[in-house]
Amino acid sequence: MLSGLGGGCTLEKLLPLLRDEYPDEAVDFFFHMPSDWAALGYYAALTVGSDGTVVETRMAGDTLAARLGPTLYATEDPDDESWGWGGA
């Protein structure tokens, strides 16, 4: 689970680095964009295309929580007011 990005970091740059770090593991990537004054937050499943582009498939927090189980609750930010766990 990746949350927010900044400082010139992009998913296209970050995901290959994570895959290189765990070459023998099957890893599913998820993304959380926290809410801010300009946009609503969201959760997404991430897939990497053969050309290296990253596709975000938005998903409800309830769906992600069912997939990740207690690990999502353990890392939830109580100050995050985005639609996520228990949200739409």
N, C-alpha and C. Protein backbone atom coordinates (compact mmCIF):
# COMPACT_ATOMS: atom_id res chain seq x y z
N MET A 1 0.85 -1.17 0.00
CA MET A 1 0.00 0.00 0.00
C MET A 1 0.90 1.22 0.00
N LEU A 2 0.75 2.02 -1.02
CA LEU A 2 1.46 3.28 -1.12
C LEU A 2 0.45 4.38 -0.85
N SER A 3 0.88 5.43 -0.16
CA SER A 3 -0.04 6.50 0.17
C SER A 3 0.55 7.84 -0.22
N GLY A 4 -0.13 8.51 -1.13
CA GLY A 4 0.31 9.82 -1.57
C GLY A 4 1.69 9.77 -2.21
N LEU A 5 2.01 10.75 -2.98
CA LEU A 5 3.33 10.86 -3.60
C LEU A 5 3.73 12.32 -3.58
N GLY A 6 4.99 12.56 -3.58
CA GLY A 6 5.47 13.93 -3.61
C GLY A 6 6.93 13.98 -3.99
N GLY A 7 7.44 15.16 -4.11
CA GLY A 7 8.85 15.34 -4.40
C GLY A 7 9.30 14.76 -5.72
N GLY A 8 8.44 14.77 -6.72
CA GLY A 8 8.81 14.25 -8.04
C GLY A 8 8.72 12.74 -8.15
N CYS A 9 8.31 12.08 -7.11
CA CYS A 9 8.15 10.62 -7.15
C CYS A 9 6.87 10.28 -7.91
N THR A 10 6.95 9.29 -8.78
CA THR A 10 5.78 8.83 -9.52
C THR A 10 5.65 7.33 -9.34
N LEU A 11 4.46 6.83 -9.57
CA LEU A 11 4.24 5.38 -9.50
C LEU A 11 5.08 4.67 -10.55
N GLU A 12 5.25 5.28 -11.72
CA GLU A 12 6.06 4.66 -12.79
C GLU A 12 7.52 4.51 -12.38
N LYS A 13 8.01 5.40 -11.53
CA LYS A 13 9.39 5.30 -11.03
C LYS A 13 9.48 4.35 -9.84
N LEU A 14 8.48 4.39 -8.97
CA LEU A 14 8.54 3.65 -7.71
C LEU A 14 8.27 2.16 -7.85
N LEU A 15 7.27 1.76 -8.62
CA LEU A 15 6.91 0.34 -8.69
C LEU A 15 8.03 -0.54 -9.23
N PRO A 16 8.78 -0.15 -10.26
CA PRO A 16 9.90 -1.00 -10.70
C PRO A 16 10.96 -1.18 -9.60
N LEU A 17 11.19 -0.14 -8.81
CA LEU A 17 12.15 -0.26 -7.71
C LEU A 17 11.68 -1.28 -6.67
N LEU A 18 10.40 -1.25 -6.37
CA LEU A 18 9.85 -2.21 -5.41
C LEU A 18 9.88 -3.63 -5.98
N ARG A 19 9.56 -3.78 -7.25
CA ARG A 19 9.63 -5.11 -7.88
C ARG A 19 11.07 -5.64 -7.86
N ASP A 20 12.05 -4.77 -8.10
CA ASP A 20 13.46 -5.19 -8.07
C ASP A 20 13.87 -5.62 -6.67
N GLU A 21 13.28 -4.99 -5.66
CA GLU A 21 13.62 -5.33 -4.28
C GLU A 21 13.08 -6.69 -3.87
N TYR A 22 11.98 -7.10 -4.47
CA TYR A 22 11.34 -8.38 -4.15
C TYR A 22 11.13 -9.19 -5.43
N PRO A 23 12.21 -9.60 -6.08
CA PRO A 23 12.08 -10.24 -7.40
C PRO A 23 11.40 -11.60 -7.39
N ASP A 24 11.43 -12.29 -6.27
CA ASP A 24 10.86 -13.64 -6.21
C ASP A 24 9.48 -13.68 -5.57
N GLU A 25 8.91 -12.51 -5.33
CA GLU A 25 7.62 -12.43 -4.66
C GLU A 25 6.53 -11.97 -5.63
N ALA A 26 5.34 -12.49 -5.46
CA ALA A 26 4.17 -11.97 -6.17
C ALA A 26 3.61 -10.85 -5.30
N VAL A 27 3.70 -9.63 -5.79
CA VAL A 27 3.31 -8.47 -5.00
C VAL A 27 2.14 -7.76 -5.67
N ASP A 28 1.11 -7.48 -4.88
CA ASP A 28 -0.01 -6.66 -5.34
C ASP A 28 0.21 -5.26 -4.80
N PHE A 29 0.03 -4.27 -5.65
CA PHE A 29 0.21 -2.88 -5.22
C PHE A 29 -1.13 -2.18 -5.15
N PHE A 30 -1.28 -1.39 -4.09
CA PHE A 30 -2.47 -0.57 -3.91
C PHE A 30 -2.01 0.84 -3.59
N PHE A 31 -2.86 1.80 -3.92
CA PHE A 31 -2.52 3.20 -3.73
C PHE A 31 -3.63 3.90 -2.98
N HIS A 32 -3.24 4.79 -2.08
CA HIS A 32 -4.19 5.62 -1.35
C HIS A 32 -3.82 7.07 -1.60
N MET A 33 -4.75 7.82 -2.14
CA MET A 33 -4.55 9.26 -2.30
C MET A 33 -5.36 9.95 -1.21
N PRO A 34 -4.67 10.54 -0.24
CA PRO A 34 -5.40 11.23 0.83
C PRO A 34 -6.17 12.44 0.29
N SER A 35 -7.24 12.77 0.98
CA SER A 35 -8.00 13.98 0.62
C SER A 35 -7.18 15.22 0.95
N ASP A 36 -7.40 16.25 0.20
CA ASP A 36 -6.86 17.55 0.56
C ASP A 36 -7.86 18.61 0.12
N TRP A 37 -7.46 19.86 0.21
CA TRP A 37 -8.39 20.95 -0.12
C TRP A 37 -8.80 20.95 -1.58
N ALA A 38 -8.01 20.31 -2.44
CA ALA A 38 -8.28 20.38 -3.87
C ALA A 38 -9.00 19.15 -4.44
N ALA A 39 -8.94 18.03 -3.74
CA ALA A 39 -9.48 16.80 -4.34
C ALA A 39 -9.88 15.80 -3.26
N LEU A 40 -10.85 14.95 -3.61
CA LEU A 40 -11.25 13.87 -2.73
C LEU A 40 -10.22 12.75 -2.79
N GLY A 41 -10.03 12.08 -1.69
CA GLY A 41 -9.12 10.95 -1.66
C GLY A 41 -9.75 9.71 -2.27
N TYR A 42 -8.91 8.71 -2.52
CA TYR A 42 -9.42 7.46 -3.07
C TYR A 42 -8.41 6.34 -2.83
N TYR A 43 -8.87 5.11 -3.03
CA TYR A 43 -8.02 3.92 -3.03
C TYR A 43 -8.03 3.34 -4.43
N ALA A 44 -6.93 2.68 -4.81
CA ALA A 44 -6.86 2.06 -6.14
C ALA A 44 -5.95 0.85 -6.11
N ALA A 45 -6.29 -0.15 -6.92
CA ALA A 45 -5.39 -1.26 -7.20
C ALA A 45 -4.50 -0.79 -8.36
N LEU A 46 -3.23 -1.19 -8.35
CA LEU A 46 -2.29 -0.76 -9.37
C LEU A 46 -1.82 -1.94 -10.19
N THR A 47 -1.76 -1.74 -11.50
CA THR A 47 -1.16 -2.74 -12.39
C THR A 47 -0.19 -2.01 -13.31
N VAL A 48 0.87 -2.72 -13.68
CA VAL A 48 1.89 -2.14 -14.55
C VAL A 48 1.77 -2.78 -15.92
N GLY A 49 1.60 -1.94 -16.94
CA GLY A 49 1.51 -2.42 -18.31
C GLY A 49 2.87 -2.83 -18.84
N SER A 50 2.89 -3.52 -19.96
CA SER A 50 4.14 -3.98 -20.56
C SER A 50 5.03 -2.81 -20.97
N ASP A 51 4.43 -1.64 -21.18
CA ASP A 51 5.22 -0.46 -21.54
C ASP A 51 5.66 0.36 -20.33
N GLY A 52 5.34 -0.15 -19.12
CA GLY A 52 5.76 0.53 -17.89
C GLY A 52 4.77 1.52 -17.33
N THR A 53 3.68 1.74 -18.06
CA THR A 53 2.67 2.66 -17.53
C THR A 53 1.92 1.98 -16.39
N VAL A 54 1.49 2.79 -15.44
CA VAL A 54 0.74 2.28 -14.29
C VAL A 54 -0.72 2.64 -14.46
N VAL A 55 -1.58 1.63 -14.31
CA VAL A 55 -3.02 1.83 -14.39
C VAL A 55 -3.59 1.74 -12.98
N GLU A 56 -4.34 2.76 -12.60
CA GLU A 56 -5.03 2.78 -11.31
C GLU A 56 -6.48 2.36 -11.52
N THR A 57 -6.91 1.34 -10.79
CA THR A 57 -8.31 0.94 -10.81
C THR A 57 -8.88 1.28 -9.45
N ARG A 58 -9.66 2.35 -9.41
CA ARG A 58 -10.20 2.82 -8.13
C ARG A 58 -11.11 1.77 -7.53
N MET A 59 -11.07 1.72 -6.20
CA MET A 59 -11.89 0.74 -5.48
C MET A 59 -12.37 1.36 -4.17
N ALA A 60 -13.50 0.86 -3.69
CA ALA A 60 -14.05 1.32 -2.42
C ALA A 60 -13.18 0.85 -1.28
N GLY A 61 -13.13 1.64 -0.23
CA GLY A 61 -12.36 1.26 0.95
C GLY A 61 -12.82 -0.06 1.53
N ASP A 62 -14.13 -0.34 1.49
CA ASP A 62 -14.64 -1.61 2.00
C ASP A 62 -14.07 -2.79 1.23
N THR A 63 -13.93 -2.63 -0.09
CA THR A 63 -13.38 -3.69 -0.93
C THR A 63 -11.91 -3.92 -0.60
N LEU A 64 -11.18 -2.85 -0.43
CA LEU A 64 -9.77 -2.97 -0.08
C LEU A 64 -9.60 -3.58 1.30
N ALA A 65 -10.42 -3.17 2.25
CA ALA A 65 -10.34 -3.73 3.61
C ALA A 65 -10.61 -5.22 3.61
N ALA A 66 -11.56 -5.67 2.79
CA ALA A 66 -11.85 -7.11 2.71
C ALA A 66 -10.65 -7.86 2.14
N ARG A 67 -9.91 -7.23 1.24
CA ARG A 67 -8.75 -7.88 0.62
C ARG A 67 -7.54 -7.89 1.53
N LEU A 68 -7.28 -6.78 2.23
CA LEU A 68 -6.10 -6.66 3.07
C LEU A 68 -6.32 -7.06 4.52
N GLY A 69 -7.57 -7.05 4.96
CA GLY A 69 -7.86 -7.46 6.33
C GLY A 69 -7.30 -6.51 7.36
N PRO A 70 -6.87 -7.04 8.49
CA PRO A 70 -6.43 -6.22 9.63
C PRO A 70 -5.26 -5.29 9.33
N THR A 71 -4.47 -5.59 8.31
CA THR A 71 -3.34 -4.70 8.02
C THR A 71 -3.80 -3.32 7.60
N LEU A 72 -4.96 -3.22 6.98
CA LEU A 72 -5.47 -1.90 6.61
C LEU A 72 -5.84 -1.11 7.86
N TYR A 73 -6.48 -1.75 8.80
CA TYR A 73 -6.87 -1.07 10.03
C TYR A 73 -5.64 -0.61 10.81
N ALA A 74 -4.60 -1.41 10.81
CA ALA A 74 -3.40 -1.10 11.59
C ALA A 74 -2.68 0.13 11.07
N THR A 75 -2.87 0.46 9.81
CA THR A 75 -2.14 1.59 9.22
C THR A 75 -3.05 2.76 8.88
N GLU A 76 -4.31 2.67 9.22
CA GLU A 76 -5.24 3.74 8.86
C GLU A 76 -4.89 5.02 9.62
N ASP A 77 -4.93 6.13 8.93
CA ASP A 77 -4.65 7.42 9.51
C ASP A 77 -5.94 8.02 10.06
N PRO A 78 -6.03 8.19 11.39
CA PRO A 78 -7.28 8.69 11.97
C PRO A 78 -7.63 10.11 11.52
N ASP A 79 -6.66 10.86 11.00
CA ASP A 79 -6.91 12.22 10.53
C ASP A 79 -7.30 12.26 9.06
N ASP A 80 -7.28 11.10 8.41
CA ASP A 80 -7.62 11.05 6.98
C ASP A 80 -9.13 11.01 6.84
N GLU A 81 -9.68 12.02 6.20
CA GLU A 81 -11.13 12.10 6.04
C GLU A 81 -11.59 11.68 4.65
N SER A 82 -10.69 11.03 3.88
CA SER A 82 -11.08 10.58 2.55
C SER A 82 -12.06 9.43 2.65
N TRP A 83 -12.76 9.20 1.55
CA TRP A 83 -13.67 8.07 1.52
C TRP A 83 -12.82 6.82 1.48
N GLY A 84 -12.91 6.04 2.49
CA GLY A 84 -12.08 4.84 2.56
C GLY A 84 -12.83 3.80 3.33
N TRP A 85 -12.18 3.22 4.33
CA TRP A 85 -12.82 2.18 5.12
C TRP A 85 -14.13 2.72 5.67
N GLY A 86 -15.20 1.99 5.39
CA GLY A 86 -16.52 2.41 5.86
C GLY A 86 -17.14 3.49 4.99
N GLY A 87 -16.39 3.96 4.01
CA GLY A 87 -16.89 5.03 3.15
C GLY A 87 -17.44 4.48 1.85
N ALA A 88 -17.69 5.38 0.92
CA ALA A 88 -18.31 4.99 -0.34
C ALA A 88 -17.33 4.38 -1.30
